[in-house]
Protein backbone atom coordinates (compact mmCIF):
# COMPACT_ATOMS: atom_id res chain seq x y z
CA MET A 1 -2.99 12.99 -3.00
CA ASN A 2 -5.54 10.62 -1.52
CA LEU A 3 -5.59 6.86 -1.12
CA PHE A 4 -8.46 4.94 -2.64
CA LYS A 5 -9.34 1.28 -2.31
CA CYS A 6 -11.26 -0.83 -4.80
CA THR A 7 -13.88 -2.73 -2.81
CA ALA A 8 -14.09 -5.38 -5.55
CA CYS A 9 -10.45 -6.55 -5.38
CA GLY A 10 -8.74 -4.59 -2.60
CA PHE A 11 -6.32 -2.70 -4.85
CA VAL A 12 -5.10 0.54 -3.23
CA TYR A 13 -3.92 3.50 -5.28
CA GLU A 14 -3.01 7.17 -4.93
CA ALA A 15 -4.96 9.78 -6.86
CA ASP A 16 -6.57 13.17 -6.45
CA GLU A 17 -9.96 11.57 -7.08
CA ALA A 18 -11.28 8.07 -7.70
CA LEU A 19 -10.31 6.61 -11.05
CA ASP A 20 -12.99 5.65 -13.56
CA PHE A 21 -11.84 2.03 -13.45
CA CYS A 22 -9.68 -0.03 -11.09
CA PRO A 23 -6.21 -0.57 -12.62
CA LYS A 24 -6.22 -4.16 -11.33
CA CYS A 25 -9.70 -5.55 -11.91
CA GLY A 26 -11.47 -2.88 -13.97
CA ALA A 27 -14.24 -2.29 -11.42
CA PRO A 28 -16.07 1.02 -11.99
CA LYS A 29 -15.52 4.18 -9.95
CA GLU A 30 -18.53 3.41 -7.75
CA LYS A 31 -16.60 0.49 -6.23
CA HIS A 32 -13.73 2.74 -5.06
CA VAL A 33 -13.72 4.26 -1.58
CA LEU A 34 -11.60 7.07 -0.22
CA LEU A 35 -9.59 5.73 2.72
CA SER A 36 -9.73 7.61 5.98
CA GLU A 37 -6.61 9.43 7.10
CA GLU A 38 -6.11 6.76 9.79
CA ASP A 39 -6.32 3.90 7.28
CA ALA A 40 -4.08 5.70 4.79
CA ASN A 41 -1.50 6.32 7.51
CA LYS A 42 -1.46 2.59 8.37
CA ILE A 43 -0.63 1.79 4.77
CA TYR A 44 2.03 4.47 4.44
CA ALA A 45 3.63 3.55 7.78
CA SER A 46 3.89 -0.15 6.96
CA ASP A 47 4.94 0.23 3.31
CA GLU A 48 8.68 -0.07 4.02
CA SER A 49 8.16 -2.96 6.42
CA ASN A 50 6.05 -4.81 3.82
CA ASP A 51 8.80 -4.32 1.24
CA LEU A 52 11.40 -5.70 3.67
CA HIS A 53 9.28 -8.76 4.38
CA MET A 54 8.84 -9.38 0.65
CA GLU A 55 12.61 -9.11 0.19
CA LEU A 56 13.11 -11.70 2.97
CA VAL A 57 10.75 -14.04 1.12
CA ASN A 58 12.74 -13.56 -2.09
CA LEU A 59 16.11 -14.03 -0.39
CA ALA A 60 14.91 -17.17 1.37
CA ALA A 61 13.67 -18.57 -1.95
CA THR A 62 17.09 -17.84 -3.47
CA MET A 63 18.79 -19.62 -0.55
CA ILE A 64 16.58 -22.66 -1.15
CA ASP A 65 17.44 -22.68 -4.86
CA LEU A 66 21.17 -22.36 -4.16
CA SER A 67 21.04 -25.11 -1.56
CA GLU A 68 19.17 -27.46 -3.88
CA ALA A 69 21.87 -26.84 -6.52
CA GLY A 70 24.52 -27.59 -3.90
CA ILE A 71 22.83 -30.86 -2.98
CA GLU A 72 22.77 -31.86 -6.65
CA ILE A 73 26.55 -31.39 -6.82
CA GLY A 74 26.82 -33.80 -3.90
CA LEU A 75 30.40 -32.76 -3.09
CA ASP A 76 30.64 -34.21 0.41
CA PRO A 77 28.43 -35.02 3.40
CA GLY A 78 29.40 -31.82 5.26
CA CYS A 79 28.32 -29.64 2.35
CA ILE A 80 25.09 -31.53 1.89
CA ASP A 81 24.35 -31.18 5.60
CA VAL A 82 24.78 -27.39 5.40
CA PHE A 83 22.57 -27.18 2.31
CA GLU A 84 19.84 -29.32 3.87
CA LYS A 85 19.84 -27.22 7.05
CA THR A 86 19.76 -24.04 4.98
CA ILE A 87 16.69 -25.26 3.11
CA LYS A 88 14.91 -25.95 6.39
CA MET A 89 15.84 -22.57 7.93
CA ALA A 90 15.10 -20.61 4.75
CA TRP A 91 11.68 -22.27 4.48
CA GLU A 92 10.93 -21.17 8.04
CA ILE A 93 12.13 -17.60 7.41
CA LYS A 94 10.07 -17.41 4.22
CA ASN A 95 6.94 -18.54 6.00
CA LEU A 96 7.50 -16.24 8.99
CA ALA A 97 7.69 -13.26 6.63
CA LYS A 98 4.61 -14.40 4.70
CA ALA A 99 2.65 -14.83 7.93
CA GLU A 100 3.59 -11.32 9.04
CA LEU A 101 2.47 -9.92 5.69
CA GLY A 102 -0.82 -11.76 6.17
CA ILE A 103 -1.25 -10.08 9.55
CA HIS A 104 -0.54 -6.70 7.96
CA MET A 105 -3.21 -7.33 5.33
CA THR A 106 -5.87 -8.27 7.89
CA LYS A 107 -5.08 -5.06 9.79
CA GLY A 108 -5.41 -2.92 6.67
CA LYS A 109 -1.67 -2.25 6.47
CA TRP A 110 -1.36 -3.12 2.79
């Protein structure tokens, strides 16, 4: 299997040879390039890390949703304080993970 990249949209896919059309944007085969072994290895090596960062983003978003629901209940000041702090920390975690994914993308690790 080889890794190909659509130069029109950046979609990366595995195939024995370039597809006739990009599965994402429909660009023709001429817009697809075979990635070098070095570039393919970057993508394969960072695949698990990218998935973990995306999971952190999702978990942080869930924490924010749960905390907002807790604030709506308004049980007591101590609870609200915990929920407000959680929102702040989860927002930071979410953005740290997104920033790291952005770095991976600029280095061709996506």
